[in-house]
Amino acid sequence: MPTFGTVRGQFVLDVIDGPDADSAPDLVTATGTVSFRASVGALGNVGNTPNPVSVIRSVITGVLDPQGYLCTPLSDGATPGARGVQLLATDDPENAPAGWVWTVDYNLYSPDGTRLDEPKSHDIALPAGAEVWLTTVIPSEAAQGAIPLPQAEALAAAALGAAIAAREAAQDAEESAEESAASAWKAAQDLAVIKQELAEHYVRTDQVMIGIDTDGVPYFGHNIPFENAVPLLTDEDGVPYLML
């Protein structure tokens, strides 16, 4: 089945201050319509069930409500219904051709009936399931056939954010591995130090080590039968010593 996104917008005008407490310009709602037309004549949706379907281009027109919000019209085509207009997603992988966009045309008026020259027509991409506010994608100088710079920058920023997150995750994994290796290396070094200290303290064969004091120096007991003593090693001179 085809996938869709939603386009939203609100349009107001700033006019000379009216009879209120301040002297700031007033904001009044615009009236009129906003139309959307695909940049291709027809789309083939090969994943549609029960069979592939061709979507022929038509103009889809939304209307503004009394608050200036873009709405889907009721069946009469003029009365505002639900806010927002649903359109085919431009990134649906089952649609052919790929890489098409929606062209947005504005037909807006001031409260006195004067037609507004702005915004100019422009193109937008509409990802599946997304909500796109026209305010965020209207370019200062619209260019036909191109995604407006604000939207392109937003898409690029999202891609950059995903890349940064992936890089940080990889760095965290690398740092964790390095910390584990460093801990293992330190444990091996500590064990080597203890072994060295034990090797430097020679004992008789009727002694066994019974502990290590707070300074790390091993100490020994004498009143233990020889047969219960721990096995001892001897150095090159034949002197026995205890080894961990």
Protein backbone atom coordinates (compact mmCIF):
# COMPACT_ATOMS: atom_id res chain seq x y z
CA MET A 1 0.00 0.00 0.00
CA PRO A 2 1.17 3.58 -0.61
CA THR A 3 2.54 5.47 2.39
CA PHE A 4 1.71 9.03 3.40
CA GLY A 5 2.97 12.07 5.28
CA THR A 6 1.17 15.14 6.61
CA VAL A 7 1.72 18.78 5.67
CA ARG A 8 0.72 21.47 8.18
CA GLY A 9 0.83 25.25 8.25
CA GLN A 10 -0.62 28.46 9.69
CA PHE A 11 -0.64 31.80 7.89
CA VAL A 12 -1.16 35.28 9.35
CA LEU A 13 -0.40 38.86 8.28
CA ASP A 14 1.04 41.71 10.29
CA VAL A 15 -0.99 44.90 9.82
CA ILE A 16 -0.97 48.38 11.29
CA ASP A 17 -1.90 48.53 14.96
CA GLY A 18 -5.60 48.61 15.71
CA PRO A 19 -7.54 50.01 18.67
CA ASP A 20 -5.79 48.13 21.47
CA ALA A 21 -3.58 49.00 24.45
CA ASP A 22 -0.22 48.72 22.67
CA SER A 23 1.19 50.22 19.49
CA ALA A 24 2.63 47.00 18.03
CA PRO A 25 1.37 45.76 14.66
CA ASP A 26 -1.54 43.35 14.87
CA LEU A 27 -1.59 39.82 13.48
CA VAL A 28 -4.64 38.84 11.42
CA THR A 29 -5.31 35.54 9.72
CA ALA A 30 -4.94 35.05 6.00
CA THR A 31 -7.58 33.37 3.88
CA GLY A 32 -7.30 31.24 0.78
CA THR A 33 -5.89 27.90 -0.32
CA VAL A 34 -2.63 25.96 -0.60
CA SER A 35 -2.26 23.48 -3.47
CA PHE A 36 0.09 20.53 -3.94
CA ARG A 37 1.06 18.89 -7.24
CA ALA A 38 3.49 16.05 -7.81
CA SER A 39 6.56 16.70 -9.94
CA VAL A 40 5.81 13.54 -11.98
CA GLY A 41 2.75 12.75 -14.07
CA ALA A 42 2.13 9.30 -12.60
CA LEU A 43 3.54 6.98 -9.96
CA GLY A 44 3.57 3.20 -10.11
CA ASN A 45 3.13 1.56 -6.70
CA VAL A 46 4.26 -2.02 -7.27
CA GLY A 47 3.68 -3.09 -3.66
CA ASN A 48 -0.01 -2.27 -3.61
CA THR A 49 -2.38 -5.16 -2.78
CA PRO A 50 -4.13 -7.01 -4.31
CA ASN A 51 -2.33 -5.66 -7.40
CA PRO A 52 0.07 -2.88 -8.47
CA VAL A 53 -1.58 0.48 -9.04
CA SER A 54 -0.75 3.63 -11.01
CA VAL A 55 -1.37 6.92 -9.19
CA ILE A 56 -2.19 9.64 -11.74
CA ARG A 57 -1.12 13.15 -10.81
CA SER A 58 -3.85 15.49 -9.61
CA VAL A 59 -3.81 18.77 -7.73
CA ILE A 60 -4.63 18.44 -4.02
CA THR A 61 -5.86 21.66 -2.44
CA GLY A 62 -6.12 22.53 1.24
CA VAL A 63 -8.02 25.50 2.69
CA LEU A 64 -7.35 27.84 5.62
CA ASP A 65 -9.65 27.89 8.64
CA PRO A 66 -10.57 31.07 10.60
CA GLN A 67 -7.31 30.79 12.59
CA GLY A 68 -5.22 30.53 9.40
CA TYR A 69 -4.46 26.81 9.76
CA LEU A 70 -4.13 24.63 6.65
CA CYS A 71 -6.98 22.10 6.62
CA THR A 72 -8.36 19.25 4.54
CA PRO A 73 -11.63 20.52 3.05
CA LEU A 74 -14.94 18.75 3.51
CA SER A 75 -16.76 17.22 0.54
CA ASP A 76 -17.82 20.64 -0.76
CA GLY A 77 -14.14 21.47 -1.34
CA ALA A 78 -14.37 24.80 0.52
CA THR A 79 -15.27 24.19 4.17
CA PRO A 80 -12.24 23.53 6.41
CA GLY A 81 -12.21 20.09 7.99
CA ALA A 82 -9.38 18.41 9.90
CA ARG A 83 -6.19 20.43 10.22
CA GLY A 84 -3.34 19.24 8.02
CA VAL A 85 -3.27 17.68 4.55
CA GLN A 86 -2.14 14.11 3.94
CA LEU A 87 -0.09 13.45 0.80
CA LEU A 88 1.77 10.52 -0.74
CA ALA A 89 5.23 10.10 0.78
CA THR A 90 8.02 11.01 -1.62
CA ASP A 91 10.40 8.39 -0.18
CA ASP A 92 8.20 5.29 -0.56
CA PRO A 93 10.60 2.65 -2.01
CA GLU A 94 7.69 0.91 -3.77
CA ASN A 95 6.89 3.99 -5.86
CA ALA A 96 8.46 4.51 -9.27
CA PRO A 97 10.01 6.74 -10.37
CA ALA A 98 12.03 7.70 -7.30
CA GLY A 99 13.35 11.15 -6.41
CA TRP A 100 10.16 13.13 -7.04
CA VAL A 101 8.87 16.03 -4.91
CA TRP A 102 5.70 17.98 -4.18
CA THR A 103 5.37 21.50 -5.61
CA VAL A 104 3.50 23.86 -3.26
CA ASP A 105 1.44 26.77 -4.68
CA TYR A 106 -0.06 29.46 -2.45
CA ASN A 107 -3.27 31.37 -3.21
CA LEU A 108 -3.62 33.56 -0.13
CA TYR A 109 -5.50 36.79 0.58
CA SER A 110 -5.56 39.53 3.20
CA PRO A 111 -8.83 40.23 5.07
CA ASP A 112 -9.65 43.04 2.62
CA GLY A 113 -9.41 40.64 -0.34
CA THR A 114 -5.95 41.65 -1.61
CA ARG A 115 -4.07 38.73 -3.12
CA LEU A 116 -0.70 38.13 -1.44
CA ASP A 117 2.46 37.75 -3.52
CA GLU A 118 4.15 35.56 -0.91
CA PRO A 119 5.03 32.81 -0.35
CA LYS A 120 6.32 31.88 -3.78
CA SER A 121 5.87 28.35 -5.12
CA HIS A 122 8.50 25.86 -3.97
CA ASP A 123 9.17 22.13 -3.72
CA ILE A 124 9.20 19.88 -0.65
CA ALA A 125 10.10 16.30 0.18
CA LEU A 126 7.64 14.45 2.41
CA PRO A 127 8.99 11.37 4.24
CA ALA A 128 6.58 8.57 5.11
CA GLY A 129 4.85 9.15 8.46
CA ALA A 130 6.39 12.61 8.86
CA GLU A 131 4.74 15.93 9.69
CA VAL A 132 6.20 18.82 7.71
CA TRP A 133 5.29 22.39 8.70
CA LEU A 134 5.40 24.67 5.68
CA THR A 135 6.82 27.45 7.86
CA THR A 136 10.02 25.42 8.25
CA VAL A 137 10.52 24.70 4.54
CA ILE A 138 9.50 27.89 2.75
CA PRO A 139 12.72 29.21 1.18
CA SER A 140 13.56 32.88 0.86
CA GLU A 141 14.09 32.36 -2.86
CA ALA A 142 12.26 29.25 -4.05
CA ALA A 143 13.91 27.11 -6.72
CA GLN A 144 11.90 24.74 -8.89
CA GLY A 145 12.85 21.08 -8.74
CA ALA A 146 14.97 21.37 -5.58
CA ILE A 147 14.27 20.67 -1.93
CA PRO A 148 14.34 24.01 -0.06
CA LEU A 149 17.55 24.76 1.80
CA PRO A 150 15.97 24.78 5.30
CA GLN A 151 14.55 21.28 4.79
CA ALA A 152 17.74 20.02 3.14
CA GLU A 153 19.74 21.36 6.10
CA ALA A 154 17.35 19.64 8.53
CA LEU A 155 17.71 16.32 6.70
CA ALA A 156 21.49 16.74 6.61
CA ALA A 157 21.53 17.57 10.34
CA ALA A 158 19.52 14.41 11.10
CA ALA A 159 21.94 12.31 9.07
CA LEU A 160 24.91 13.97 10.78
CA GLY A 161 23.37 13.34 14.21
CA ALA A 162 22.96 9.65 13.40
CA ALA A 163 26.57 9.45 12.19
CA ILE A 164 27.86 11.17 15.34
CA ALA A 165 25.83 8.84 17.57
CA ALA A 166 27.25 5.81 15.75
CA ARG A 167 30.78 7.15 16.07
CA GLU A 168 30.34 7.86 19.79
CA ALA A 169 28.98 4.34 20.34
CA ALA A 170 32.03 2.90 18.60
CA GLN A 171 34.34 5.12 20.66
CA ASP A 172 32.62 4.04 23.89
CA ALA A 173 33.09 0.37 22.94
CA GLU A 174 36.76 0.99 22.10
CA GLU A 175 37.36 2.88 25.36
CA SER A 176 35.66 0.10 27.35
CA ALA A 177 37.94 -2.49 25.72
CA GLU A 178 41.00 -0.33 26.45
CA GLU A 179 39.95 0.07 30.10
CA SER A 180 39.50 -3.71 30.46
CA ALA A 181 42.93 -4.32 28.96
CA ALA A 182 44.47 -1.71 31.27
CA SER A 183 42.84 -3.33 34.33
CA ALA A 184 44.14 -6.76 33.32
CA TRP A 185 47.64 -5.34 32.77
CA LYS A 186 47.62 -3.67 36.21
CA ALA A 187 46.46 -6.89 37.89
CA ALA A 188 49.31 -8.78 36.21
CA GLN A 189 51.79 -6.13 37.36
CA ASP A 190 50.50 -6.28 40.95
CA LEU A 191 50.86 -10.07 40.95
CA ALA A 192 54.40 -9.80 39.62
CA VAL A 193 55.29 -7.36 42.43
CA ILE A 194 53.93 -9.74 45.07
CA LYS A 195 55.86 -12.65 43.56
CA GLN A 196 59.04 -10.59 43.56
CA GLU A 197 58.59 -9.61 47.20
CA LEU A 198 58.03 -13.24 48.17
CA ALA A 199 61.10 -14.33 46.24
CA GLU A 200 63.21 -11.84 48.18
CA HIS A 201 62.21 -13.34 51.56
CA TYR A 202 63.90 -16.74 52.11
CA VAL A 203 62.51 -19.18 54.65
CA ARG A 204 63.59 -22.51 56.16
CA THR A 205 61.87 -25.69 55.03
CA ASP A 206 60.04 -26.01 58.38
CA GLN A 207 58.27 -22.67 57.82
CA VAL A 208 55.23 -21.78 55.78
CA MET A 209 53.82 -18.38 54.85
CA ILE A 210 50.68 -17.65 56.84
CA GLY A 211 49.92 -14.15 55.57
CA ILE A 212 51.04 -10.81 54.20
CA ASP A 213 51.22 -7.75 56.47
CA THR A 214 49.82 -4.30 55.67
CA ASP A 215 53.01 -3.34 53.85
CA GLY A 216 52.74 -6.33 51.56
CA VAL A 217 55.61 -8.21 53.25
CA PRO A 218 55.00 -11.95 53.77
CA TYR A 219 55.38 -13.40 57.24
CA PHE A 220 55.80 -17.02 58.31
CA GLY A 221 54.92 -19.48 61.07
CA HIS A 222 57.31 -21.92 62.76
CA ASN A 223 55.17 -24.32 64.76
CA ILE A 224 53.82 -26.23 61.78
CA PRO A 225 54.87 -29.86 61.14
CA PHE A 226 57.18 -30.14 58.16
CA GLU A 227 54.85 -32.55 56.40
CA ASN A 228 52.11 -29.86 56.45
CA ALA A 229 54.33 -27.19 54.94
CA VAL A 230 53.61 -25.84 51.50
CA PRO A 231 56.00 -27.04 48.78
CA LEU A 232 59.02 -24.78 48.45
CA LEU A 233 61.25 -23.91 45.53
CA THR A 234 64.99 -23.44 45.72
CA ASP A 235 67.16 -20.82 44.08
CA GLU A 236 70.37 -21.56 42.16
CA ASP A 237 72.27 -21.90 45.47
CA GLY A 238 69.79 -24.49 46.78
CA VAL A 239 68.18 -22.08 49.27
CA PRO A 240 64.42 -22.75 49.57
CA TYR A 241 61.93 -19.93 49.06
CA LEU A 242 58.15 -19.63 48.81
CA MET A 243 56.63 -18.68 45.46
CA LEU A 244 53.02 -17.77 44.60
